[in-house]
Amino acid sequence: MTDAYMASIYGKNFVNMAELSLKYGYCIVVVLMGLAALLQSVWLWRRGWFQDWTIIGR
């Protein structure tokens, strides 16, 4: 959800796109999206969202 949200806002902003004004703007945006996805994954992992729910009923 985080990457989709950032990409939708970033993708609609054609006037102020980082690629147009910064030399490494695209790389910076991709790294920030990856960092946000990593932080969200770590947070969900710690809360137990990636457990194997199929073995609970056995």
Foldseek 3Di string as FASTA:
>chain_A
DQLVVVCVVQVVCVPDHQVVPPVCRVVVVVVVSVVVVVVVVVVCVVVPVPDDPVPPVD
